[in-house]
Amino acid sequence: MLDVTSRTLTKVFGLFGFALLVVCLLLSLPWIKEKFSDEVAAFNPTDVQCRSNLKTEAQPSDGAGILRVIDVWPRQTSINRHVCVSVAGVVSAVTERRLAEEVVRVQKARDDAKVVYESAPEVDRNVAWEKFQKAEIVLATALAASATVPSPIELSVFLNGKTAPQLKVKAFAIAKPQVLQFSLAVPPNATDEGVSFWRSLLGGGPSGTENLGEKKVAIGFSRSAATMPETVVEDLLTVVIYDPLTLTVGALSFFFFVLFFCGLARHTTVLRDNARTGPTSSLTSEALIAARTAEANAKTQLKSAEEALKQPSDVVAEAKTKVESASDQAAKDQANANLEQAKVALKMAEASKSAAATALAAATKNLKAAANSAVQGAKSGNVEQPLGPYSLARTQMAFWMFLTLAGFIFLWLSMGLYLGLITSGILVLLGINVTTGLFSISMNDEKDKQSTSRSFLSDIISDGEGPTLHRIQVVAWTLVLGMIFVWNVFWNFNFVNFDTNLLLLIGVAQSMYLGFKWQEAPPKS
């Protein structure tokens, strides 16, 4: 049987976890993502790429200044990447036509002035020349006005009908189709106002036709600070929050790191209440002797059960014979009653034999495990093995260390958040656990230093006499808060800020644990 916490496998699991974490980080890099997805465009697409992939057909209504979104590219992208959009009708074409008509009118006036000057008699030529020069100046002014680029129009961006804060795009003040480009940028600081918008937009998990880690987003625009968009693109944009491959690699990395830490906790005193150790050879020898004794006792009990089974079997057979040979009904009824009693006794004896057989099978299994452990111990040499019981307080610290680290890395790689993530509630919770651990370690007396471990679960929920309510309460609330934490990180992309009353409840539970620990019976040696 494979021992997943053996010293060799512990090292292998640690290497696997580290290697998979490196792979997860590499898969999160933009240029690596492009190798695994043909649909995701470049991190910063050029204007040429945008124009070659977008539709830019004009419509008659564009000249009326009716804002319209024509197309969006790429159709699938990721957070903090650029998106290209083609729009039309940013302004009315009336202004453009007015400027063009004014140029034509001034041009005609200039031409007329030139004709008058050239055909004027010598006496009137000076006056005609002045009029011609004035017409030239007016024409130059009109041409400059028509060539001047109007001030750009600032458009508000809407995603799924909600205004995206801090996300604006400037468009040319023209009616014809044009290409715009903007970034779906999430601020790196989790306390920023814009992060709340992105959490509400992307959180809540997939719905409808969405896949895990994706959100369908409708892009809209408005020329004013309105609460509703003037126009919305018909084709939805798919925003990839995290891809399944990267998520799977990250989850495997976390799993192997947990296995590595379990092996580390078994072979070191990192989670133990005391530093007591013993040589592997003596431990395996004692375990092997105990397993052999248990198997011998189980065999004896099975043999006794088999012997005890013979008597009720004989009684049943004899009762059946008396039923068949009964001379009258009264004798037959009495024989049947005796037969039923004998059958009950037989069933009890069979049950006793079955229990003895089960116990023997378990003892044999334990003996094989002890023998394998002895063989492995002989191969690894006579090393020191920790004997002390597992500590509830240290286990809590390790539990929250893994959750907060995994949550931080997940939010960093998926949303790009790495500032302001740790909430005050999480800090208070970690402080409560650290304080509990420090007090718990300082409270261990000489009796605790001689105690030994029975099993991980038994150690953290029990004192020397059995399971205790205050320990079970601490374990239960730790698991509940851990599930809430994981749910919020994975589904809502934030570190939950536990409220004051919940933190007070945890503090009371931890205080009860410390208070009762003074009176706890130490684990038996």
Protein backbone atom coordinates (compact mmCIF):
# COMPACT_ATOMS: atom_id res chain seq x y z
CA MET A 1 0.00 0.00 0.00
CA LEU A 2 1.32 3.45 -1.00
CA ASP A 3 2.10 5.73 1.92
CA VAL A 4 1.45 9.27 0.60
CA THR A 5 3.18 10.82 3.61
CA SER A 6 6.46 8.91 3.31
CA ARG A 7 9.60 11.01 3.37
CA THR A 8 10.46 10.29 -0.27
CA LEU A 9 6.97 11.08 -1.57
CA THR A 10 6.85 14.21 0.56
CA LYS A 11 9.86 15.58 -1.32
CA VAL A 12 8.36 14.50 -4.66
CA PHE A 13 5.06 16.23 -3.85
CA GLY A 14 6.92 19.42 -2.93
CA LEU A 15 8.80 19.41 -6.24
CA PHE A 16 5.60 18.69 -8.18
CA GLY A 17 3.78 21.53 -6.42
CA PHE A 18 6.58 24.01 -7.15
CA ALA A 19 6.87 22.92 -10.79
CA LEU A 20 3.11 23.19 -11.36
CA LEU A 21 3.08 26.64 -9.72
CA VAL A 22 5.76 27.81 -12.16
CA VAL A 23 3.73 26.39 -15.07
CA CYS A 24 0.61 28.17 -13.76
CA LEU A 25 2.49 31.49 -13.63
CA LEU A 26 3.84 30.96 -17.16
CA LEU A 27 0.36 30.14 -18.51
CA SER A 28 -0.88 33.45 -17.11
CA LEU A 29 1.59 35.48 -19.20
CA PRO A 30 -0.08 37.20 -22.20
CA TRP A 31 2.28 35.86 -24.86
CA ILE A 32 1.89 32.32 -23.50
CA LYS A 33 -1.91 32.62 -23.54
CA GLU A 34 -1.81 33.47 -27.23
CA LYS A 35 -0.16 30.10 -27.95
CA PHE A 36 -3.13 28.23 -26.44
CA SER A 37 -5.98 30.32 -27.91
CA ASP A 38 -6.45 31.38 -31.52
CA GLU A 39 -9.48 33.52 -30.64
CA VAL A 40 -7.71 35.86 -28.20
CA ALA A 41 -6.10 38.81 -29.95
CA ALA A 42 -2.81 40.46 -29.22
CA PHE A 43 -2.38 42.20 -25.90
CA ASN A 44 -2.26 45.63 -27.61
CA PRO A 45 -3.69 45.26 -31.16
CA THR A 46 -2.49 47.83 -33.68
CA ASP A 47 -4.76 50.20 -35.59
CA VAL A 48 -4.10 48.18 -38.74
CA GLN A 49 -5.22 44.95 -37.01
CA CYS A 50 -8.36 46.64 -35.74
CA ARG A 51 -9.31 48.06 -39.16
CA SER A 52 -8.67 44.75 -40.93
CA ASN A 53 -10.94 42.82 -38.55
CA LEU A 54 -13.79 45.32 -37.99
CA LYS A 55 -16.81 46.11 -40.13
CA THR A 56 -17.03 49.82 -41.03
CA GLU A 57 -20.07 50.06 -43.35
CA ALA A 58 -21.80 53.44 -43.31
CA GLN A 59 -25.56 53.93 -43.16
CA PRO A 60 -27.74 56.91 -44.15
CA SER A 61 -28.73 57.45 -40.53
CA ASP A 62 -25.11 58.17 -39.55
CA GLY A 63 -25.37 61.65 -41.00
CA ALA A 64 -28.19 62.48 -38.57
CA GLY A 65 -25.83 62.13 -35.62
CA ILE A 66 -27.42 58.91 -34.30
CA LEU A 67 -24.63 57.11 -32.40
CA ARG A 68 -24.21 53.52 -33.58
CA VAL A 69 -21.85 50.65 -32.66
CA ILE A 70 -21.03 48.70 -35.80
CA ASP A 71 -18.70 45.92 -34.66
CA VAL A 72 -16.33 44.77 -31.91
CA TRP A 73 -13.07 42.82 -32.16
CA PRO A 74 -11.83 40.49 -30.81
CA ARG A 75 -14.99 38.63 -29.81
CA GLN A 76 -13.09 36.94 -26.99
CA THR A 77 -10.55 38.70 -24.80
CA SER A 78 -9.23 38.86 -21.26
CA ILE A 79 -9.14 41.39 -18.45
CA ASN A 80 -6.56 44.19 -18.86
CA ARG A 81 -6.51 43.73 -22.64
CA HIS A 82 -7.48 46.14 -25.40
CA VAL A 83 -10.72 45.97 -27.38
CA CYS A 84 -11.38 47.53 -30.80
CA VAL A 85 -14.82 48.95 -31.67
CA SER A 86 -16.12 50.62 -34.83
CA VAL A 87 -18.75 53.35 -34.34
CA ALA A 88 -20.55 55.91 -36.50
CA GLY A 89 -22.79 58.92 -36.02
CA VAL A 90 -20.71 60.52 -33.29
CA VAL A 91 -21.87 63.94 -34.54
CA SER A 92 -24.32 65.13 -37.18
CA ALA A 93 -23.09 65.65 -40.75
CA VAL A 94 -24.86 69.04 -40.92
CA THR A 95 -21.81 70.87 -39.59
CA GLU A 96 -19.55 69.19 -42.11
CA ARG A 97 -21.95 70.08 -44.99
CA ARG A 98 -22.24 73.68 -43.78
CA LEU A 99 -18.46 74.11 -43.85
CA ALA A 100 -18.22 72.58 -47.31
CA GLU A 101 -21.03 74.79 -48.66
CA GLU A 102 -19.36 77.86 -47.14
CA VAL A 103 -16.11 77.04 -48.93
CA VAL A 104 -17.96 76.70 -52.24
CA ARG A 105 -19.75 80.03 -51.71
CA VAL A 106 -16.54 81.89 -50.78
CA GLN A 107 -14.71 80.25 -53.69
CA LYS A 108 -17.36 81.55 -56.10
CA ALA A 109 -17.17 85.04 -54.55
CA ARG A 110 -13.40 85.05 -54.96
CA ASP A 111 -13.67 83.94 -58.59
CA ASP A 112 -16.22 86.66 -59.28
CA ALA A 113 -13.95 89.27 -57.68
CA LYS A 114 -11.08 88.09 -59.85
CA VAL A 115 -13.16 88.39 -63.02
CA VAL A 116 -14.25 91.91 -62.02
CA TYR A 117 -10.66 92.92 -61.34
CA GLU A 118 -9.37 91.58 -64.64
CA SER A 119 -12.13 93.29 -66.66
CA ALA A 120 -12.18 96.58 -64.75
CA PRO A 121 -10.99 99.78 -66.46
CA GLU A 122 -7.80 101.42 -65.28
CA VAL A 123 -9.63 103.90 -63.09
CA ASP A 124 -11.47 101.19 -61.09
CA ARG A 125 -8.69 98.61 -60.92
CA ASN A 126 -7.43 99.67 -57.46
CA VAL A 127 -10.87 99.26 -55.91
CA ALA A 128 -11.40 95.92 -57.70
CA TRP A 129 -7.97 94.77 -56.49
CA GLU A 130 -8.85 95.51 -52.86
CA LYS A 131 -12.10 93.55 -53.20
CA PHE A 132 -10.22 90.65 -54.76
CA GLN A 133 -7.68 90.60 -51.89
CA LYS A 134 -10.46 90.60 -49.32
CA ALA A 135 -12.11 87.67 -51.12
CA GLU A 136 -8.77 85.80 -51.06
CA ILE A 137 -8.50 86.32 -47.28
CA VAL A 138 -12.09 85.14 -46.71
CA LEU A 139 -11.44 82.05 -48.84
CA ALA A 140 -8.24 81.19 -46.93
CA THR A 141 -10.14 81.55 -43.64
CA ALA A 142 -12.94 79.27 -44.90
CA LEU A 143 -10.46 76.66 -46.13
CA ALA A 144 -8.63 76.71 -42.79
CA ALA A 145 -11.91 76.29 -40.91
CA SER A 146 -12.90 73.33 -43.05
CA ALA A 147 -9.47 71.73 -42.59
CA THR A 148 -9.42 72.20 -38.82
CA VAL A 149 -10.01 68.92 -36.90
CA PRO A 150 -12.94 69.37 -34.51
CA SER A 151 -12.39 68.74 -30.81
CA PRO A 152 -12.77 65.02 -29.96
CA ILE A 153 -15.96 63.78 -28.31
CA GLU A 154 -15.57 61.86 -25.04
CA LEU A 155 -17.74 58.72 -24.92
CA SER A 156 -18.76 56.93 -21.74
CA VAL A 157 -18.36 53.14 -21.93
CA PHE A 158 -21.16 50.86 -20.70
CA LEU A 159 -20.69 47.15 -19.95
CA ASN A 160 -23.90 45.14 -19.57
CA GLY A 161 -25.84 48.38 -19.23
CA LYS A 162 -23.70 49.80 -16.40
CA THR A 163 -21.32 52.74 -16.63
CA ALA A 164 -17.72 51.57 -16.38
CA PRO A 165 -16.01 54.03 -14.01
CA GLN A 166 -12.67 55.45 -15.09
CA LEU A 167 -13.23 53.99 -18.57
CA LYS A 168 -13.62 56.72 -21.22
CA VAL A 169 -12.79 56.75 -24.93
CA LYS A 170 -12.33 59.78 -27.22
CA ALA A 171 -13.82 59.76 -30.72
CA PHE A 172 -13.40 62.14 -33.67
CA ALA A 173 -16.29 64.58 -34.08
CA ILE A 174 -17.35 63.10 -37.41
CA ALA A 175 -20.42 61.26 -38.64
CA LYS A 176 -18.71 58.62 -40.77
CA PRO A 177 -17.53 55.26 -39.30
CA GLN A 178 -14.34 55.30 -37.24
CA VAL A 179 -12.34 52.81 -35.15
CA LEU A 180 -11.89 53.23 -31.40
CA GLN A 181 -9.67 51.27 -29.02
CA PHE A 182 -9.80 51.03 -25.22
CA SER A 183 -8.57 48.71 -22.45
CA LEU A 184 -10.67 46.59 -20.09
CA ALA A 185 -8.34 47.71 -17.31
CA VAL A 186 -8.99 46.58 -13.74
CA PRO A 187 -7.18 48.76 -11.15
CA PRO A 188 -4.55 46.73 -9.25
CA ASN A 189 -5.72 48.17 -5.91
CA ALA A 190 -8.67 46.17 -4.55
CA THR A 191 -9.95 49.22 -2.65
CA ASP A 192 -10.34 51.28 -5.84
CA GLU A 193 -13.87 52.27 -6.84
CA GLY A 194 -13.51 50.63 -10.25
CA VAL A 195 -12.75 47.20 -8.75
CA SER A 196 -16.22 47.04 -7.19
CA PHE A 197 -17.72 47.54 -10.66
CA TRP A 198 -15.62 44.73 -12.16
CA ARG A 199 -16.50 42.39 -9.29
CA SER A 200 -20.22 42.97 -9.78
CA LEU A 201 -19.81 42.57 -13.55
CA LEU A 202 -17.72 39.40 -13.56
CA GLY A 203 -18.73 37.78 -10.26
CA GLY A 204 -21.52 35.32 -9.57
CA GLY A 205 -20.31 32.46 -11.74
CA PRO A 206 -21.38 31.46 -15.27
CA SER A 207 -24.97 31.68 -16.45
CA GLY A 208 -26.79 30.56 -19.58
CA THR A 209 -24.34 29.74 -22.36
CA GLU A 210 -21.29 30.97 -20.43
CA ASN A 211 -18.47 28.60 -19.59
CA LEU A 212 -16.66 28.48 -16.27
CA GLY A 213 -14.33 31.47 -15.99
CA GLU A 214 -16.09 33.46 -18.73
CA LYS A 215 -18.60 36.33 -18.87
CA LYS A 216 -20.65 37.57 -21.81
CA VAL A 217 -20.49 41.39 -21.94
CA ALA A 218 -22.51 43.84 -24.04
CA ILE A 219 -20.58 47.01 -24.93
CA GLY A 220 -22.45 50.31 -25.17
CA PHE A 221 -21.61 54.02 -25.51
CA SER A 222 -23.09 57.36 -24.59
CA ARG A 223 -22.01 60.93 -25.45
CA SER A 224 -23.05 62.23 -22.03
CA ALA A 225 -22.86 61.14 -18.42
CA ALA A 226 -26.13 59.25 -18.83
CA THR A 227 -27.30 56.27 -16.82
CA MET A 228 -28.24 54.33 -19.97
CA PRO A 229 -26.23 53.76 -23.14
CA GLU A 230 -27.31 55.40 -26.40
CA THR A 231 -26.22 52.38 -28.40
CA VAL A 232 -25.18 48.77 -27.66
CA VAL A 233 -23.29 46.34 -29.88
CA GLU A 234 -25.40 43.42 -31.03
CA ASP A 235 -22.67 40.76 -30.70
CA LEU A 236 -21.65 40.06 -27.10
CA LEU A 237 -18.00 40.17 -26.07
CA THR A 238 -16.68 37.12 -24.17
CA VAL A 239 -14.35 38.15 -21.34
CA VAL A 240 -12.12 35.30 -20.13
CA ILE A 241 -11.44 35.72 -16.41
CA TYR A 242 -9.43 32.53 -16.04
CA ASP A 243 -9.03 29.64 -18.46
CA PRO A 244 -9.69 26.03 -17.34
CA LEU A 245 -6.13 24.90 -18.12
CA THR A 246 -4.48 27.50 -15.88
CA LEU A 247 -7.08 26.90 -13.16
CA THR A 248 -6.52 23.12 -13.29
CA VAL A 249 -2.74 23.48 -13.12
CA GLY A 250 -3.07 25.90 -10.19
CA ALA A 251 -5.45 23.55 -8.36
CA LEU A 252 -3.05 20.63 -8.85
CA SER A 253 -0.19 22.76 -7.56
CA PHE A 254 -2.22 23.61 -4.43
CA PHE A 255 -3.12 19.90 -3.99
CA PHE A 256 0.51 18.76 -4.16
CA PHE A 257 1.62 21.51 -1.79
CA VAL A 258 -1.02 20.31 0.70
CA LEU A 259 0.26 16.73 0.38
CA PHE A 260 3.81 18.01 0.86
CA PHE A 261 2.80 19.86 4.02
CA CYS A 262 0.94 16.78 5.33
CA GLY A 263 4.11 14.74 4.93
CA LEU A 264 6.13 17.52 6.54
CA ALA A 265 3.70 17.61 9.48
CA ARG A 266 3.99 13.85 9.92
CA HIS A 267 7.80 13.71 9.91
CA THR A 268 8.54 16.96 11.77
CA THR A 269 7.21 18.79 14.81
CA VAL A 270 5.81 21.72 12.78
CA LEU A 271 2.23 20.95 13.89
CA ARG A 272 3.01 19.10 17.13
CA ASP A 273 2.29 20.19 20.68
CA ASN A 274 5.71 19.03 21.85
CA ALA A 275 9.10 18.17 20.41
CA ARG A 276 9.15 14.57 21.62
CA THR A 277 10.68 12.15 19.10
CA GLY A 278 11.72 8.55 18.93
CA PRO A 279 13.90 6.37 16.67
CA THR A 280 12.10 4.82 13.73
CA SER A 281 13.42 1.35 14.50
CA SER A 282 11.91 1.22 17.97
CA LEU A 283 8.65 2.71 16.81
CA THR A 284 8.24 0.26 13.95
CA SER A 285 9.25 -2.66 16.16
CA GLU A 286 6.68 -1.70 18.80
CA ALA A 287 4.01 -1.24 16.14
CA LEU A 288 4.88 -4.59 14.58
CA ILE A 289 4.73 -6.39 17.92
CA ALA A 290 1.41 -4.75 18.73
CA ALA A 291 0.00 -5.71 15.32
CA ARG A 292 1.11 -9.33 15.71
CA THR A 293 -0.43 -9.49 19.18
CA ALA A 294 -3.69 -8.00 17.86
CA GLU A 295 -3.80 -10.52 15.01
CA ALA A 296 -3.15 -13.43 17.40
CA ASN A 297 -5.95 -12.20 19.71
CA ALA A 298 -8.30 -11.85 16.72
CA LYS A 299 -7.52 -15.41 15.61
CA THR A 300 -8.23 -16.68 19.13
CA GLN A 301 -11.55 -14.82 19.24
CA LEU A 302 -12.52 -16.21 15.82
CA LYS A 303 -11.70 -19.75 16.91
CA SER A 304 -13.77 -19.28 20.07
CA ALA A 305 -16.66 -17.93 17.98
CA GLU A 306 -16.47 -20.95 15.67
CA GLU A 307 -16.52 -23.27 18.66
CA ALA A 308 -19.44 -21.39 20.15
CA LEU A 309 -21.32 -21.70 16.86
CA LYS A 310 -21.36 -25.49 17.00
CA GLN A 311 -23.68 -25.73 20.01
CA PRO A 312 -26.56 -23.57 18.63
CA SER A 313 -26.24 -25.41 15.30
CA ASP A 314 -26.72 -28.74 17.07
CA VAL A 315 -29.64 -27.33 19.07
CA VAL A 316 -31.36 -26.13 15.87
CA ALA A 317 -30.93 -29.54 14.24
CA GLU A 318 -32.31 -31.28 17.33
CA ALA A 319 -35.27 -28.85 17.47
CA LYS A 320 -36.14 -29.55 13.84
CA THR A 321 -36.14 -33.29 14.57
CA LYS A 322 -38.53 -32.82 17.50
CA VAL A 323 -40.88 -30.74 15.34
CA GLU A 324 -41.04 -33.52 12.77
CA SER A 325 -41.57 -36.26 15.37
CA ALA A 326 -44.19 -34.40 17.50
CA SER A 327 -47.16 -36.70 18.30
CA ASP A 328 -49.86 -34.04 18.78
CA GLN A 329 -50.43 -30.34 18.05
CA ALA A 330 -49.44 -29.11 21.55
CA ALA A 331 -46.10 -30.92 21.36
CA LYS A 332 -45.55 -29.60 17.85
CA ASP A 333 -46.23 -25.99 18.95
CA GLN A 334 -43.79 -26.34 21.82
CA ALA A 335 -41.16 -27.81 19.48
CA ASN A 336 -41.65 -24.91 17.02
CA ALA A 337 -41.18 -22.38 19.85
CA ASN A 338 -37.99 -24.13 20.90
CA LEU A 339 -36.85 -24.13 17.24
CA GLU A 340 -37.35 -20.32 16.94
CA GLN A 341 -35.35 -19.74 20.13
CA ALA A 342 -32.59 -21.97 18.80
CA LYS A 343 -32.53 -20.06 15.50
CA VAL A 344 -32.17 -16.75 17.37
CA ALA A 345 -29.27 -18.16 19.33
CA LEU A 346 -27.74 -19.44 16.08
CA LYS A 347 -28.02 -15.98 14.43
CA MET A 348 -26.33 -14.37 17.42
CA ALA A 349 -23.51 -16.88 17.24
CA GLU A 350 -23.13 -16.29 13.47
CA ALA A 351 -23.02 -12.54 14.05
CA SER A 352 -20.35 -13.03 16.67
CA LYS A 353 -18.34 -15.12 14.23
CA SER A 354 -18.75 -12.49 11.49
CA ALA A 355 -17.55 -9.74 13.82
CA ALA A 356 -14.57 -11.84 14.83
CA ALA A 357 -13.73 -12.47 11.17
CA THR A 358 -13.95 -8.75 10.41
CA ALA A 359 -11.69 -7.98 13.35
CA LEU A 360 -9.20 -10.57 12.12
CA ALA A 361 -9.20 -9.06 8.62
CA ALA A 362 -8.53 -5.60 10.08
CA ALA A 363 -5.79 -6.96 12.31
CA THR A 364 -4.18 -8.72 9.36
CA LYS A 365 -4.32 -5.51 7.33
CA ASN A 366 -2.72 -3.57 10.19
CA LEU A 367 -0.05 -6.22 10.50
CA LYS A 368 0.81 -5.92 6.81
CA ALA A 369 0.97 -2.12 7.14
CA ALA A 370 3.20 -2.43 10.20
CA ALA A 371 5.44 -4.88 8.35
CA ASN A 372 5.69 -2.54 5.36
CA SER A 373 6.45 0.34 7.70
CA ALA A 374 9.18 -1.71 9.33
CA VAL A 375 10.69 -2.49 5.92
CA GLN A 376 10.60 1.19 4.92
CA GLY A 377 12.09 2.16 8.27
CA ALA A 378 14.92 -0.30 7.77
CA LYS A 379 15.59 1.17 4.30
CA SER A 380 15.56 4.78 5.48
CA GLY A 381 17.75 4.15 8.49
CA ASN A 382 17.20 4.74 12.19
CA VAL A 383 15.85 8.33 11.93
CA GLU A 384 13.97 10.26 14.59
CA GLN A 385 10.18 10.33 14.24
CA PRO A 386 7.97 12.90 16.07
CA LEU A 387 5.70 11.42 18.73
CA GLY A 388 3.84 14.43 20.13
CA PRO A 389 0.13 15.06 19.51
CA TYR A 390 -1.00 17.39 16.76
CA SER A 391 -1.81 20.95 17.90
CA LEU A 392 -5.21 22.45 17.12
CA ALA A 393 -3.85 26.02 17.28
CA ARG A 394 -0.95 25.32 14.92
CA THR A 395 -3.26 23.47 12.54
CA GLN A 396 -5.50 26.54 12.40
CA MET A 397 -2.53 28.76 11.54
CA ALA A 398 -1.50 26.38 8.74
CA PHE A 399 -5.11 26.20 7.49
CA TRP A 400 -5.43 29.98 7.09
CA MET A 401 -1.92 30.29 5.69
CA PHE A 402 -2.80 27.99 2.80
CA LEU A 403 -6.17 29.62 2.14
CA THR A 404 -4.89 33.20 2.12
CA LEU A 405 -1.87 32.36 -0.04
CA ALA A 406 -3.98 30.42 -2.57
CA GLY A 407 -6.64 33.17 -2.62
CA PHE A 408 -4.06 35.91 -3.13
CA ILE A 409 -2.39 34.11 -6.04
CA PHE A 410 -5.77 33.33 -7.64
CA LEU A 411 -6.95 36.96 -7.54
CA TRP A 412 -3.56 38.21 -8.71
CA LEU A 413 -3.46 35.91 -11.75
CA SER A 414 -7.16 36.18 -12.68
CA MET A 415 -8.10 39.81 -11.94
CA GLY A 416 -4.66 41.42 -11.67
CA LEU A 417 -5.32 42.51 -8.07
CA TYR A 418 -2.40 42.62 -5.65
CA LEU A 419 -2.88 45.82 -3.60
CA GLY A 420 -5.39 46.28 -0.79
CA LEU A 421 -6.59 42.67 -1.01
CA ILE A 422 -6.12 41.77 2.65
CA THR A 423 -9.16 43.13 4.49
CA SER A 424 -9.23 44.23 8.10
CA GLY A 425 -11.48 41.28 8.93
CA ILE A 426 -8.93 38.79 7.58
CA LEU A 427 -6.13 40.51 9.51
CA VAL A 428 -8.14 40.35 12.75
CA LEU A 429 -8.95 36.68 12.11
CA LEU A 430 -5.28 35.84 11.48
CA GLY A 431 -4.33 37.82 14.58
CA ILE A 432 -6.81 35.83 16.69
CA ASN A 433 -5.37 32.53 15.40
CA VAL A 434 -1.76 33.61 15.94
CA THR A 435 -2.51 34.82 19.47
CA THR A 436 -4.32 31.57 20.24
CA GLY A 437 -1.36 29.60 18.93
CA LEU A 438 1.15 31.54 21.02
CA PHE A 439 -0.89 31.15 24.21
CA SER A 440 -1.56 27.48 23.48
CA ILE A 441 2.14 26.73 23.07
CA SER A 442 3.06 28.64 26.25
CA MET A 443 0.42 26.70 28.21
CA ASN A 444 1.95 23.29 27.49
CA ASP A 445 3.35 21.93 30.77
CA GLU A 446 5.62 19.00 31.57
CA LYS A 447 2.76 16.50 31.23
CA ASP A 448 2.05 17.72 27.67
CA LYS A 449 5.74 17.27 26.79
CA GLN A 450 5.45 13.55 27.52
CA SER A 451 2.20 12.94 25.64
CA THR A 452 2.02 11.07 22.33
CA SER A 453 -0.20 11.26 19.27
CA ARG A 454 -3.09 8.91 18.65
CA SER A 455 -4.25 10.28 15.26
CA PHE A 456 -4.56 13.71 13.67
CA LEU A 457 -8.34 14.04 14.04
CA SER A 458 -8.36 12.60 17.54
CA ASP A 459 -5.56 14.95 18.62
CA ILE A 460 -7.23 18.18 17.48
CA ILE A 461 -10.74 17.45 18.82
CA SER A 462 -9.81 15.54 21.99
CA ASP A 463 -7.95 15.95 25.23
CA GLY A 464 -6.54 13.01 27.15
CA GLU A 465 -10.01 11.66 27.97
CA GLY A 466 -11.83 12.02 24.64
CA PRO A 467 -13.52 14.57 22.35
CA THR A 468 -14.35 17.93 23.94
CA LEU A 469 -17.05 20.40 22.94
CA HIS A 470 -14.87 23.53 22.96
CA ARG A 471 -12.38 21.94 20.55
CA ILE A 472 -15.11 20.69 18.22
CA GLN A 473 -16.63 24.20 18.26
CA VAL A 474 -13.33 25.78 17.17
CA VAL A 475 -12.89 23.21 14.38
CA ALA A 476 -16.49 23.68 13.17
CA TRP A 477 -16.29 27.48 13.00
CA THR A 478 -12.87 27.35 11.31
CA LEU A 479 -14.28 25.11 8.57
CA VAL A 480 -17.38 27.31 8.13
CA LEU A 481 -15.31 30.50 7.79
CA GLY A 482 -12.90 28.70 5.46
CA MET A 483 -15.77 27.72 3.13
CA ILE A 484 -17.12 31.30 3.15
CA PHE A 485 -13.62 32.59 2.35
CA VAL A 486 -13.13 30.18 -0.57
CA TRP A 487 -16.62 30.92 -1.95
CA ASN A 488 -16.01 34.69 -1.98
CA VAL A 489 -12.56 34.39 -3.53
CA PHE A 490 -13.63 32.03 -6.31
CA TRP A 491 -17.14 33.42 -6.99
CA ASN A 492 -16.96 37.11 -6.03
CA PHE A 493 -13.21 37.77 -6.47
CA ASN A 494 -12.58 39.34 -3.06
CA PHE A 495 -11.27 38.57 0.39
CA VAL A 496 -14.39 38.55 2.53
CA ASN A 497 -14.42 41.18 5.27
CA PHE A 498 -15.94 39.28 8.20
CA ASP A 499 -18.19 41.54 10.28
CA THR A 500 -17.45 42.52 13.88
CA ASN A 501 -19.99 40.15 15.46
CA LEU A 502 -18.64 37.14 13.58
CA LEU A 503 -15.09 38.00 14.60
CA LEU A 504 -16.26 38.42 18.20
CA LEU A 505 -17.84 34.96 17.98
CA ILE A 506 -14.52 33.48 16.78
CA GLY A 507 -12.70 35.32 19.56
CA VAL A 508 -15.10 33.90 22.15
CA ALA A 509 -14.68 30.37 20.75
CA GLN A 510 -10.88 30.68 20.82
CA SER A 511 -10.99 32.13 24.35
CA MET A 512 -13.12 29.18 25.47
CA TYR A 513 -10.58 26.82 23.95
CA LEU A 514 -7.70 28.51 25.82
CA GLY A 515 -9.71 28.69 29.03
CA PHE A 516 -10.61 25.01 29.00
CA LYS A 517 -7.10 24.03 27.91
CA TRP A 518 -5.88 24.91 31.43
CA GLN A 519 -8.09 22.13 32.78
CA GLU A 520 -7.63 19.62 29.96
CA ALA A 521 -6.26 16.20 30.75
CA PRO A 522 -3.08 15.73 28.71
CA PRO A 523 -3.06 13.09 25.96
CA LYS A 524 -2.02 9.73 27.32
CA SER A 525 1.48 8.54 26.63
